[in-house]
PDB file of N, CA and C in Angstrom:
ATOM      1  N   UNK A   1      65.390 181.847  52.362  1.00  0.00           N
ATOM      2  CA  UNK A   1      64.567 182.956  52.820  1.00  0.00           C
ATOM      3  C   UNK A   1      63.933 183.616  51.596  1.00  0.00           C
ATOM      4  N   UNK A   2      62.660 183.998  51.711  1.00  0.00           N
ATOM      5  CA  UNK A   2      61.957 184.733  50.651  1.00  0.00           C
ATOM      6  C   UNK A   2      62.275 186.220  50.824  1.00  0.00           C
ATOM      7  N   UNK A   3      62.892 186.791  49.800  1.00  0.00           N
ATOM      8  CA  UNK A   3      63.382 188.167  49.907  1.00  0.00           C
ATOM      9  C   UNK A   3      62.775 189.031  48.802  1.00  0.00           C
ATOM     10  N   UNK A   4      62.137 190.118  49.209  1.00  0.00           N
ATOM     11  CA  UNK A   4      61.571 191.101  48.287  1.00  0.00           C
ATOM     12  C   UNK A   4      62.688 192.065  47.902  1.00  0.00           C
ATOM     13  N   UNK A   5      62.933 192.240  46.626  1.00  0.00           N
ATOM     14  CA  UNK A   5      63.986 193.148  46.160  1.00  0.00           C
ATOM     15  C   UNK A   5      63.371 194.526  45.894  1.00  0.00           C
ATOM     16  N   UNK A   6      63.737 195.493  46.709  1.00  0.00           N
ATOM     17  CA  UNK A   6      63.279 196.881  46.533  1.00  0.00           C
ATOM     18  C   UNK A   6      64.351 197.620  45.739  1.00  0.00           C
ATOM     19  N   UNK A   7      64.005 198.013  44.531  1.00  0.00           N
ATOM     20  CA  UNK A   7      64.971 198.617  43.608  1.00  0.00           C
ATOM     21  C   UNK A   7      64.307 199.766  42.869  1.00  0.00           C
ATOM     22  N   UNK A   8      64.999 200.870  42.688  1.00  0.00           N
ATOM     23  CA  UNK A   8      64.465 201.985  41.908  1.00  0.00           C
ATOM     24  C   UNK A   8      64.199 201.550  40.475  1.00  0.00           C
ATOM     25  N   UNK A   9      63.148 202.119  39.904  1.00  0.00           N
ATOM     26  CA  UNK A   9      62.797 201.843  38.511  1.00  0.00           C
ATOM     27  C   UNK A   9      62.929 203.127  37.702  1.00  0.00           C
ATOM     28  N   UNK A  10      62.013 204.069  37.879  1.00  0.00           N
ATOM     29  CA  UNK A  10      62.218 205.391  37.329  1.00  0.00           C
ATOM     30  C   UNK A  10      61.311 205.877  36.233  1.00  0.00           C
ATOM     31  N   UNK A  11      60.455 205.039  35.674  1.00  0.00           N
ATOM     32  CA  UNK A  11      59.609 205.492  34.569  1.00  0.00           C
ATOM     33  C   UNK A  11      58.722 206.650  34.987  1.00  0.00           C
ATOM     34  N   UNK A  12      58.149 206.570  36.179  1.00  0.00           N
ATOM     35  CA  UNK A  12      57.261 207.638  36.653  1.00  0.00           C
ATOM     36  C   UNK A  12      58.035 208.909  36.995  1.00  0.00           C
ATOM     37  N   UNK A  13      59.337 208.777  37.212  1.00  0.00           N
ATOM     38  CA  UNK A  13      60.158 209.956  37.512  1.00  0.00           C
ATOM     39  C   UNK A  13      60.764 210.526  36.240  1.00  0.00           C
ATOM     40  N   UNK A  14      60.333 210.025  35.090  1.00  0.00           N
ATOM     41  CA  UNK A  14      60.766 210.578  33.819  1.00  0.00           C
ATOM     42  C   UNK A  14      62.019 209.961  33.226  1.00  0.00           C
ATOM     43  N   UNK A  15      62.512 208.884  33.813  1.00  0.00           N
ATOM     44  CA  UNK A  15      63.676 208.240  33.225  1.00  0.00           C
ATOM     45  C   UNK A  15      63.258 207.519  31.950  1.00  0.00           C
ATOM     46  N   UNK A  16      64.142 207.501  30.993  1.00  0.00           N
ATOM     47  CA  UNK A  16      63.847 206.893  29.703  1.00  0.00           C
ATOM     48  C   UNK A  16      63.858 205.374  29.737  1.00  0.00           C
ATOM     49  N   UNK A  17      63.382 204.769  28.661  1.00  0.00           N
ATOM     50  CA  UNK A  17      63.288 203.309  28.593  1.00  0.00           C
ATOM     51  C   UNK A  17      64.627 202.593  28.806  1.00  0.00           C
ATOM     52  N   UNK A  18      65.703 203.143  28.299  1.00  0.00           N
ATOM     53  CA  UNK A  18      67.016 202.489  28.473  1.00  0.00           C
ATOM     54  C   UNK A  18      67.464 202.485  29.921  1.00  0.00           C
ATOM     55  N   UNK A  19      67.243 203.602  30.603  1.00  0.00           N
ATOM     56  CA  UNK A  19      67.624 203.681  32.015  1.00  0.00           C
ATOM     57  C   UNK A  19      66.762 202.748  32.858  1.00  0.00           C
ATOM     58  N   UNK A  20      65.474 202.713  32.562  1.00  0.00           N
ATOM     59  CA  UNK A  20      64.581 201.803  33.300  1.00  0.00           C
ATOM     60  C   UNK A  20      65.001 200.363  33.071  1.00  0.00           C
ATOM     61  N   UNK A  21      65.311 200.019  31.840  1.00  0.00           N
ATOM     62  CA  UNK A  21      65.733 198.647  31.543  1.00  0.00           C
ATOM     63  C   UNK A  21      67.068 198.327  32.219  1.00  0.00           C
ATOM     64  N   UNK A  22      67.956 199.313  32.312  1.00  0.00           N
ATOM     65  CA  UNK A  22      69.221 199.101  33.031  1.00  0.00           C
ATOM     66  C   UNK A  22      68.942 198.816  34.505  1.00  0.00           C
ATOM     67  N   UNK A  23      67.974 199.517  35.091  1.00  0.00           N
ATOM     68  CA  UNK A  23      67.591 199.250  36.479  1.00  0.00           C
ATOM     69  C   UNK A  23      67.033 197.835  36.623  1.00  0.00           C
ATOM     70  N   UNK A  24      66.212 197.406  35.667  1.00  0.00           N
ATOM     71  CA  UNK A  24      65.673 196.042  35.689  1.00  0.00           C
ATOM     72  C   UNK A  24      66.817 195.037  35.614  1.00  0.00           C
ATOM     73  N   UNK A  25      67.751 195.263  34.708  1.00  0.00           N
ATOM     74  CA  UNK A  25      68.876 194.333  34.562  1.00  0.00           C
ATOM     75  C   UNK A  25      69.713 194.259  35.837  1.00  0.00           C
ATOM     76  N   UNK A  26      69.888 195.383  36.508  1.00  0.00           N
ATOM     77  CA  UNK A  26      70.628 195.385  37.773  1.00  0.00           C
ATOM     78  C   UNK A  26      69.882 194.566  38.823  1.00  0.00           C
ATOM     79  N   UNK A  27      68.566 194.711  38.865  1.00  0.00           N
ATOM     80  CA  UNK A  27      67.780 193.943  39.835  1.00  0.00           C
ATOM     81  C   UNK A  27      67.857 192.440  39.534  1.00  0.00           C
ATOM     82  N   UNK A  28      67.965 192.085  38.265  1.00  0.00           N
ATOM     83  CA  UNK A  28      68.093 190.669  37.883  1.00  0.00           C
ATOM     84  C   UNK A  28      69.431 190.107  38.367  1.00  0.00           C
ATOM     85  N   UNK A  29      70.496 190.892  38.271  1.00  0.00           N
ATOM     86  CA  UNK A  29      71.797 190.439  38.787  1.00  0.00           C
ATOM     87  C   UNK A  29      71.726 190.166  40.287  1.00  0.00           C
ATOM     88  N   UNK A  30      71.034 191.038  41.010  1.00  0.00           N
ATOM     89  CA  UNK A  30      70.863 190.845  42.455  1.00  0.00           C
ATOM     90  C   UNK A  30      70.025 189.601  42.716  1.00  0.00           C
ATOM     91  N   UNK A  31      68.967 189.445  41.945  1.00  0.00           N
ATOM     92  CA  UNK A  31      68.117 188.252  42.087  1.00  0.00           C
ATOM     93  C   UNK A  31      68.931 186.980  41.877  1.00  0.00           C
ATOM     94  N   UNK A  32      69.759 186.956  40.849  1.00  0.00           N
ATOM     95  CA  UNK A  32      70.592 185.775  40.577  1.00  0.00           C
ATOM     96  C   UNK A  32      71.525 185.470  41.742  1.00  0.00           C
ATOM     97  N   UNK A  33      72.150 186.519  42.283  1.00  0.00           N
ATOM     98  CA  UNK A  33      73.069 186.327  43.401  1.00  0.00           C
ATOM     99  C   UNK A  33      72.354 185.730  44.607  1.00  0.00           C
ATOM    100  N   UNK A  34      71.152 186.235  44.871  1.00  0.00           N
ATOM    101  CA  UNK A  34      70.369 185.700  45.987  1.00  0.00           C
ATOM    102  C   UNK A  34      69.975 184.244  45.738  1.00  0.00           C
ATOM    103  N   UNK A  35      69.561 183.932  44.508  1.00  0.00           N
ATOM    104  CA  UNK A  35      69.190 182.550  44.176  1.00  0.00           C
ATOM    105  C   UNK A  35      70.381 181.609  44.312  1.00  0.00           C
ATOM    106  N   UNK A  36      71.528 182.039  43.845  1.00  0.00           N
ATOM    107  CA  UNK A  36      72.730 181.201  43.947  1.00  0.00           C
ATOM    108  C   UNK A  36      73.114 180.944  45.398  1.00  0.00           C
ATOM    109  N   UNK A  37      72.735 181.845  46.283  1.00  0.00           N
ATOM    110  CA  UNK A  37      73.017 181.683  47.709  1.00  0.00           C
ATOM    111  C   UNK A  37      71.929 180.875  48.414  1.00  0.00           C
ATOM    112  N   UNK A  38      70.926 180.402  47.648  1.00  0.00           N
ATOM    113  CA  UNK A  38      69.897 179.547  48.216  1.00  0.00           C
ATOM    114  C   UNK A  38      68.624 180.245  48.660  1.00  0.00           C
ATOM    115  N   UNK A  39      68.498 181.528  48.341  1.00  0.00           N
ATOM    116  CA  UNK A  39      67.298 182.277  48.722  1.00  0.00           C
ATOM    117  C   UNK A  39      66.269 182.235  47.597  1.00  0.00           C
ATOM    118  N   UNK A  40      65.060 182.668  47.909  1.00  0.00           N
ATOM    119  CA  UNK A  40      63.979 182.711  46.933  1.00  0.00           C
ATOM    120  C   UNK A  40      63.488 184.155  46.813  1.00  0.00           C
ATOM    121  N   UNK A  41      64.122 184.942  45.943  1.00  0.00           N
ATOM    122  CA  UNK A  41      63.759 186.357  45.844  1.00  0.00           C
ATOM    123  C   UNK A  41      62.513 186.596  44.997  1.00  0.00           C
ATOM    124  N   UNK A  42      61.828 187.692  45.324  1.00  0.00           N
ATOM    125  CA  UNK A  42      60.747 188.214  44.498  1.00  0.00           C
ATOM    126  C   UNK A  42      61.240 189.532  43.914  1.00  0.00           C
ATOM    127  N   UNK A  43      61.225 189.643  42.605  1.00  0.00           N
ATOM    128  CA  UNK A  43      61.756 190.812  41.915  1.00  0.00           C
ATOM    129  C   UNK A  43      60.629 191.561  41.203  1.00  0.00           C
ATOM    130  N   UNK A  44      60.041 192.591  41.835  1.00  0.00           N
ATOM    131  CA  UNK A  44      58.926 193.291  41.212  1.00  0.00           C
ATOM    132  C   UNK A  44      59.298 194.048  39.937  1.00  0.00           C
ATOM    133  N   UNK A  45      60.571 194.347  39.735  1.00  0.00           N
ATOM    134  CA  UNK A  45      60.940 195.065  38.514  1.00  0.00           C
ATOM    135  C   UNK A  45      60.754 194.215  37.261  1.00  0.00           C
ATOM    136  N   UNK A  46      60.585 192.918  37.427  1.00  0.00           N
ATOM    137  CA  UNK A  46      60.303 192.078  36.258  1.00  0.00           C
ATOM    138  C   UNK A  46      58.957 192.439  35.628  1.00  0.00           C
ATOM    139  N   UNK A  47      58.107 193.144  36.376  1.00  0.00           N
ATOM    140  CA  UNK A  47      56.847 193.610  35.803  1.00  0.00           C
ATOM    141  C   UNK A  47      57.081 194.613  34.666  1.00  0.00           C
ATOM    142  N   UNK A  48      58.293 195.104  34.569  1.00  0.00           N
ATOM    143  CA  UNK A  48      58.678 195.974  33.451  1.00  0.00           C
ATOM    144  C   UNK A  48      58.299 195.315  32.120  1.00  0.00           C
ATOM    145  N   UNK A  49      58.512 194.013  32.038  1.00  0.00           N
ATOM    146  CA  UNK A  49      58.244 193.304  30.791  1.00  0.00           C
ATOM    147  C   UNK A  49      56.755 193.080  30.570  1.00  0.00           C
ATOM    148  N   UNK A  50      55.959 193.193  31.619  1.00  0.00           N
ATOM    149  CA  UNK A  50      54.514 193.085  31.490  1.00  0.00           C
ATOM    150  C   UNK A  50      53.934 194.318  30.809  1.00  0.00           C
ATOM    151  N   UNK A  51      54.436 195.490  31.184  1.00  0.00           N
ATOM    152  CA  UNK A  51      53.844 196.719  30.640  1.00  0.00           C
ATOM    153  C   UNK A  51      54.713 197.399  29.592  1.00  0.00           C
ATOM    154  N   UNK A  52      55.838 196.813  29.239  1.00  0.00           N
ATOM    155  CA  UNK A  52      56.713 197.404  28.219  1.00  0.00           C
ATOM    156  C   UNK A  52      55.946 197.549  26.900  1.00  0.00           C
ATOM    157  N   UNK A  53      55.937 198.751  26.389  1.00  0.00           N
ATOM    158  CA  UNK A  53      55.281 199.010  25.123  1.00  0.00           C
ATOM    159  C   UNK A  53      53.813 199.391  25.216  1.00  0.00           C
ATOM    160  N   UNK A  54      53.240 199.342  26.408  1.00  0.00           N
ATOM    161  CA  UNK A  54      51.856 199.763  26.548  1.00  0.00           C
ATOM    162  C   UNK A  54      51.772 201.268  26.332  1.00  0.00           C
ATOM    163  N   UNK A  55      50.768 201.710  25.617  1.00  0.00           N
ATOM    164  CA  UNK A  55      50.526 203.141  25.507  1.00  0.00           C
ATOM    165  C   UNK A  55      49.942 203.670  26.806  1.00  0.00           C
ATOM    166  N   UNK A  56      49.120 202.858  27.427  1.00  0.00           N
ATOM    167  CA  UNK A  56      48.498 203.226  28.697  1.00  0.00           C
ATOM    168  C   UNK A  56      48.742 202.066  29.656  1.00  0.00           C
ATOM    169  N   UNK A  57      49.052 202.377  30.889  1.00  0.00           N
ATOM    170  CA  UNK A  57      49.351 201.345  31.869  1.00  0.00           C
ATOM    171  C   UNK A  57      48.696 201.696  33.200  1.00  0.00           C
ATOM    172  N   UNK A  58      48.933 200.872  34.186  1.00  0.00           N
ATOM    173  CA  UNK A  58      48.387 201.124  35.510  1.00  0.00           C
ATOM    174  C   UNK A  58      48.967 202.413  36.090  1.00  0.00           C
ATOM    175  N   UNK A  59      48.259 202.974  37.046  1.00  0.00           N
ATOM    176  CA  UNK A  59      48.774 204.159  37.735  1.00  0.00           C
ATOM    177  C   UNK A  59      49.886 203.740  38.693  1.00  0.00           C
ATOM    178  N   UNK A  60      50.613 204.714  39.175  1.00  0.00           N
ATOM    179  CA  UNK A  60      51.669 204.449  40.162  1.00  0.00           C
ATOM    180  C   UNK A  60      51.088 203.738  41.384  1.00  0.00           C
ATOM    181  N   UNK A  61      49.947 204.203  41.831  1.00  0.00           N
ATOM    182  CA  UNK A  61      49.298 203.604  43.006  1.00  0.00           C
ATOM    183  C   UNK A  61      48.913 202.150  42.746  1.00  0.00           C
ATOM    184  N   UNK A  62      48.397 201.880  41.554  1.00  0.00           N
ATOM    185  CA  UNK A  62      48.014 200.500  41.207  1.00  0.00           C
ATOM    186  C   UNK A  62      49.228 199.581  41.123  1.00  0.00           C
ATOM    187  N   UNK A  63      50.320 200.072  40.557  1.00  0.00           N
ATOM    188  CA  UNK A  63      51.546 199.267  40.488  1.00  0.00           C
ATOM    189  C   UNK A  63      52.101 199.020  41.886  1.00  0.00           C
ATOM    190  N   UNK A  64      52.094 200.065  42.720  1.00  0.00           N
ATOM    191  CA  UNK A  64      52.600 199.907  44.087  1.00  0.00           C
ATOM    192  C   UNK A  64      51.783 198.857  44.840  1.00  0.00           C
ATOM    193  N   UNK A  65      50.477 198.918  44.708  1.00  0.00           N
ATOM    194  CA  UNK A  65      49.610 197.953  45.386  1.00  0.00           C
ATOM    195  C   UNK A  65      49.891 196.540  44.878  1.00  0.00           C
ATOM    196  N   UNK A  66      50.006 196.379  43.569  1.00  0.00           N
ATOM    197  CA  UNK A  66      50.258 195.060  42.991  1.00  0.00           C
ATOM    198  C   UNK A  66      51.572 194.465  43.492  1.00  0.00           C
ATOM    199  N   UNK A  67      52.597 195.299  43.605  1.00  0.00           N
ATOM    200  CA  UNK A  67      53.907 194.819  44.063  1.00  0.00           C
ATOM    201  C   UNK A  67      53.944 194.610  45.565  1.00  0.00           C
ATOM    202  N   UNK A  68      53.458 195.591  46.301  1.00  0.00           N
ATOM    203  CA  UNK A  68      53.615 195.528  47.756  1.00  0.00           C
ATOM    204  C   UNK A  68      52.766 194.435  48.403  1.00  0.00           C
ATOM    205  N   UNK A  69      51.749 193.953  47.719  1.00  0.00           N
ATOM    206  CA  UNK A  69      50.982 192.824  48.257  1.00  0.00           C
ATOM    207  C   UNK A  69      51.862 191.599  48.468  1.00  0.00           C
ATOM    208  N   UNK A  70      52.925 191.493  47.678  1.00  0.00           N
ATOM    209  CA  UNK A  70      53.838 190.352  47.808  1.00  0.00           C
ATOM    210  C   UNK A  70      54.689 190.438  49.066  1.00  0.00           C
ATOM    211  N   UNK A  71      54.804 191.623  49.644  1.00  0.00           N
ATOM    212  CA  UNK A  71      55.623 191.781  50.858  1.00  0.00           C
ATOM    213  C   UNK A  71      55.177 190.856  51.983  1.00  0.00           C
ATOM    214  N   UNK A  72      53.887 190.654  52.125  1.00  0.00           N
ATOM    215  CA  UNK A  72      53.405 189.829  53.242  1.00  0.00           C
ATOM    216  C   UNK A  72      53.776 188.362  53.102  1.00  0.00           C
ATOM    217  N   UNK A  73      54.229 187.961  51.914  1.00  0.00           N
ATOM    218  CA  UNK A  73      54.670 186.582  51.701  1.00  0.00           C
ATOM    219  C   UNK A  73      56.184 186.437  51.839  1.00  0.00           C
ATOM    220  N   UNK A  74      56.855 187.552  52.062  1.00  0.00           N
ATOM    221  CA  UNK A  74      58.316 187.541  52.134  1.00  0.00           C
ATOM    222  C   UNK A  74      58.791 187.574  53.578  1.00  0.00           C
ATOM    223  N   UNK A  75      60.015 187.097  53.764  1.00  0.00           N
ATOM    224  CA  UNK A  75      60.629 187.071  55.093  1.00  0.00           C
ATOM    225  C   UNK A  75      61.458 188.313  55.364  1.00  0.00           C
ATOM    226  N   UNK A  76      61.830 189.021  54.290  1.00  0.00           N
ATOM    227  CA  UNK A  76      62.689 190.193  54.425  1.00  0.00           C
ATOM    228  C   UNK A  76      62.622 191.026  53.156  1.00  0.00           C
ATOM    229  N   UNK A  77      63.125 192.241  53.264  1.00  0.00           N
ATOM    230  CA  UNK A  77      63.268 193.141  52.115  1.00  0.00           C
ATOM    231  C   UNK A  77      64.739 193.493  51.975  1.00  0.00           C
ATOM    232  N   UNK A  78      65.228 193.437  50.749  1.00  0.00           N
ATOM    233  CA  UNK A  78      66.570 193.915  50.439  1.00  0.00           C
ATOM    234  C   UNK A  78      66.429 195.221  49.674  1.00  0.00           C
ATOM    235  N   UNK A  79      66.954 196.295  50.237  1.00  0.00           N
ATOM    236  CA  UNK A  79      66.958 197.587  49.561  1.00  0.00           C
ATOM    237  C   UNK A  79      68.191 197.587  48.654  1.00  0.00           C
ATOM    238  N   UNK A  80      67.941 197.334  47.378  1.00  0.00           N
ATOM    239  CA  UNK A  80      69.030 197.149  46.423  1.00  0.00           C
ATOM    240  C   UNK A  80      69.614 198.461  45.932  1.00  0.00           C
ATOM    241  N   UNK A  81      68.829 199.534  45.992  1.00  0.00           N
ATOM    242  CA  UNK A  81      69.295 200.875  45.621  1.00  0.00           C
ATOM    243  C   UNK A  81      68.707 201.863  46.624  1.00  0.00           C
ATOM    244  N   UNK A  82      69.416 202.925  46.918  1.00  0.00           N
ATOM    245  CA  UNK A  82      68.858 203.915  47.845  1.00  0.00           C
ATOM    246  C   UNK A  82      67.563 204.494  47.280  1.00  0.00           C
ATOM    247  N   UNK A  83      66.610 204.806  48.142  1.00  0.00           N
ATOM    248  CA  UNK A  83      65.367 205.402  47.652  1.00  0.00           C
ATOM    249  C   UNK A  83      65.638 206.685  46.872  1.00  0.00           C
ATOM    250  N   UNK A  84      64.931 206.845  45.767  1.00  0.00           N
ATOM    251  CA  UNK A  84      65.060 208.063  44.968  1.00  0.00           C
ATOM    252  C   UNK A  84      64.399 209.218  45.700  1.00  0.00           C
ATOM    253  N   UNK A  85      64.789 210.415  45.350  1.00  0.00           N
ATOM    254  CA  UNK A  85      64.184 211.608  45.955  1.00  0.00           C
ATOM    255  C   UNK A  85      62.718 211.700  45.558  1.00  0.00           C
ATOM    256  N   UNK A  86      61.929 212.271  46.425  1.00  0.00           N
ATOM    257  CA  UNK A  86      60.511 212.438  46.133  1.00  0.00           C
ATOM    258  C   UNK A  86      59.701 211.206  46.491  1.00  0.00           C
ATOM    259  N   UNK A  87      58.667 210.955  45.744  1.00  0.00           N
ATOM    260  CA  UNK A  87      57.761 209.833  45.991  1.00  0.00           C
ATOM    261  C   UNK A  87      58.400 208.545  45.476  1.00  0.00           C
ATOM    262  N   UNK A  88      59.177 207.924  46.303  1.00  0.00           N
ATOM    263  CA  UNK A  88      59.945 206.755  45.899  1.00  0.00           C
ATOM    264  C   UNK A  88      59.212 205.466  46.232  1.00  0.00           C
ATOM    265  N   UNK A  89      59.107 204.587  45.243  1.00  0.00           N
ATOM    266  CA  UNK A  89      58.536 203.272  45.488  1.00  0.00           C
ATOM    267  C   UNK A  89      59.351 202.493  46.497  1.00  0.00           C
ATOM    268  N   UNK A  90      60.675 202.627  46.442  1.00  0.00           N
ATOM    269  CA  UNK A  90      61.540 201.932  47.393  1.00  0.00           C
ATOM    270  C   UNK A  90      61.240 202.387  48.811  1.00  0.00           C
ATOM    271  N   UNK A  91      61.093 203.681  49.020  1.00  0.00           N
ATOM    272  CA  UNK A  91      60.785 204.192  50.357  1.00  0.00           C
ATOM    273  C   UNK A  91      59.444 203.651  50.843  1.00  0.00           C
ATOM    274  N   UNK A  92      58.478 203.594  49.956  1.00  0.00           N
ATOM    275  CA  UNK A  92      57.158 203.057  50.324  1.00  0.00           C
ATOM    276  C   UNK A  92      57.266 201.575  50.677  1.00  0.00           C
ATOM    277  N   UNK A  93      58.114 200.835  49.979  1.00  0.00           N
ATOM    278  CA  UNK A  93      58.299 199.405  50.276  1.00  0.00           C
ATOM    279  C   UNK A  93      58.982 199.216  51.636  1.00  0.00           C
ATOM    280  N   UNK A  94      59.941 200.071  51.941  1.00  0.00           N
ATOM    281  CA  UNK A  94      60.604 200.022  53.251  1.00  0.00           C
ATOM    282  C   UNK A  94      59.572 200.259  54.352  1.00  0.00           C
ATOM    283  N   UNK A  95      58.763 201.284  54.183  1.00  0.00           N
ATOM    284  CA  UNK A  95      57.744 201.612  55.188  1.00  0.00           C
ATOM    285  C   UNK A  95      56.732 200.484  55.341  1.00  0.00           C
ATOM    286  N   UNK A  96      56.321 199.877  54.241  1.00  0.00           N
ATOM    287  CA  UNK A  96      55.372 198.758  54.308  1.00  0.00           C
ATOM    288  C   UNK A  96      55.984 197.571  55.037  1.00  0.00           C
ATOM    289  N   UNK A  97      57.260 197.292  54.787  1.00  0.00           N
ATOM    290  CA  UNK A  97      57.947 196.188  55.475  1.00  0.00           C
ATOM    291  C   UNK A  97      58.009 196.457  56.974  1.00  0.00           C
ATOM    292  N   UNK A  98      58.281 197.685  57.347  1.00  0.00           N
ATOM    293  CA  UNK A  98      58.343 198.033  58.765  1.00  0.00           C
ATOM    294  C   UNK A  98      56.981 197.884  59.433  1.00  0.00           C
ATOM    295  N   UNK A  99      55.929 198.220  58.724  1.00  0.00           N
ATOM    296  CA  UNK A  99      54.577 198.095  59.277  1.00  0.00           C
ATOM    297  C   UNK A  99      54.238 196.634  59.550  1.00  0.00           C
ATOM    298  N   UNK A 100      54.606 195.751  58.625  1.00  0.00           N
ATOM    299  CA  UNK A 100      54.266 194.335  58.833  1.00  0.00           C
ATOM    300  C   UNK A 100      55.323 193.597  59.657  1.00  0.00           C
ATOM    301  N   UNK A 101      56.421 194.284  59.967  1.00  0.00           N
ATOM    302  CA  UNK A 101      57.402 193.733  60.894  1.00  0.00           C
ATOM    303  C   UNK A 101      58.410 192.758  60.314  1.00  0.00           C
ATOM    304  N   UNK A 102      58.730 192.916  59.026  1.00  0.00           N
ATOM    305  CA  UNK A 102      59.785 192.066  58.469  1.00  0.00           C
ATOM    306  C   UNK A 102      61.074 192.870  58.363  1.00  0.00           C
ATOM    307  N   UNK A 103      62.226 192.199  58.497  1.00  0.00           N
ATOM    308  CA  UNK A 103      63.492 192.934  58.469  1.00  0.00           C
ATOM    309  C   UNK A 103      63.772 193.574  57.116  1.00  0.00           C
ATOM    310  N   UNK A 104      64.455 194.699  57.177  1.00  0.00           N
ATOM    311  CA  UNK A 104      64.882 195.422  55.979  1.00  0.00           C
ATOM    312  C   UNK A 104      66.400 195.438  55.983  1.00  0.00           C
ATOM    313  N   UNK A 105      66.992 194.911  54.922  1.00  0.00           N
ATOM    314  CA  UNK A 105      68.450 194.882  54.770  1.00  0.00           C
ATOM    315  C   UNK A 105      68.845 195.907  53.711  1.00  0.00           C
ATOM    316  N   UNK A 106      69.981 196.549  53.931  1.00  0.00           N
ATOM    317  CA  UNK A 106      70.424 197.605  53.038  1.00  0.00           C
ATOM    318  C   UNK A 106      71.631 197.221  52.201  1.00  0.00           C
ATOM    319  N   UNK A 107      72.069 195.987  52.317  1.00  0.00           N
ATOM    320  CA  UNK A 107      73.127 195.472  51.437  1.00  0.00           C
ATOM    321  C   UNK A 107      72.972 193.966  51.341  1.00  0.00           C
ATOM    322  N   UNK A 108      73.364 193.439  50.230  1.00  0.00           N
ATOM    323  CA  UNK A 108      73.285 191.999  50.033  1.00  0.00           C
ATOM    324  C   UNK A 108      74.232 191.268  50.989  1.00  0.00           C
ATOM    325  N   UNK A 109      75.302 191.949  51.394  1.00  0.00           N
ATOM    326  CA  UNK A 109      76.238 191.365  52.340  1.00  0.00           C
ATOM    327  C   UNK A 109      75.624 191.063  53.692  1.00  0.00           C
ATOM    328  N   UNK A 110      74.594 191.814  54.066  1.00  0.00           N
ATOM    329  CA  UNK A 110      73.897 191.546  55.332  1.00  0.00           C
ATOM    330  C   UNK A 110      73.137 190.216  55.296  1.00  0.00           C
ATOM    331  N   UNK A 111      72.818 189.764  54.096  1.00  0.00           N
ATOM    332  CA  UNK A 111      72.025 188.543  53.933  1.00  0.00           C
ATOM    333  C   UNK A 111      72.909 187.327  53.661  1.00  0.00           C
ATOM    334  N   UNK A 112      73.941 187.532  52.837  1.00  0.00           N
ATOM    335  CA  UNK A 112      74.768 186.390  52.412  1.00  0.00           C
ATOM    336  C   UNK A 112      75.738 185.935  53.447  1.00  0.00           C
TER     337      UNK A 112
END
């Protein structure tokens, strides 16, 4: 199954580079677990390495659009971390998945 990993990142919410990278590393562990179980996950937090070190980067809206376009190619969404308070990318990904009618799972155990 193609699974979109919805995971908090935090740069736009003011979290520092180490915390953001820790979030990326956590999403990679989840991605590995899904791959080992035979799934084909999409991990948007890997884009961290695309813009790491940029003085100027895409806006939040542009990043959300770039990531959420992949939802239509996925069979499900795994909410790997609870949505952060405020304008959460994870919450927006959940809502987008519901609009296109793909299942949203809230634990990896629901999938494995």
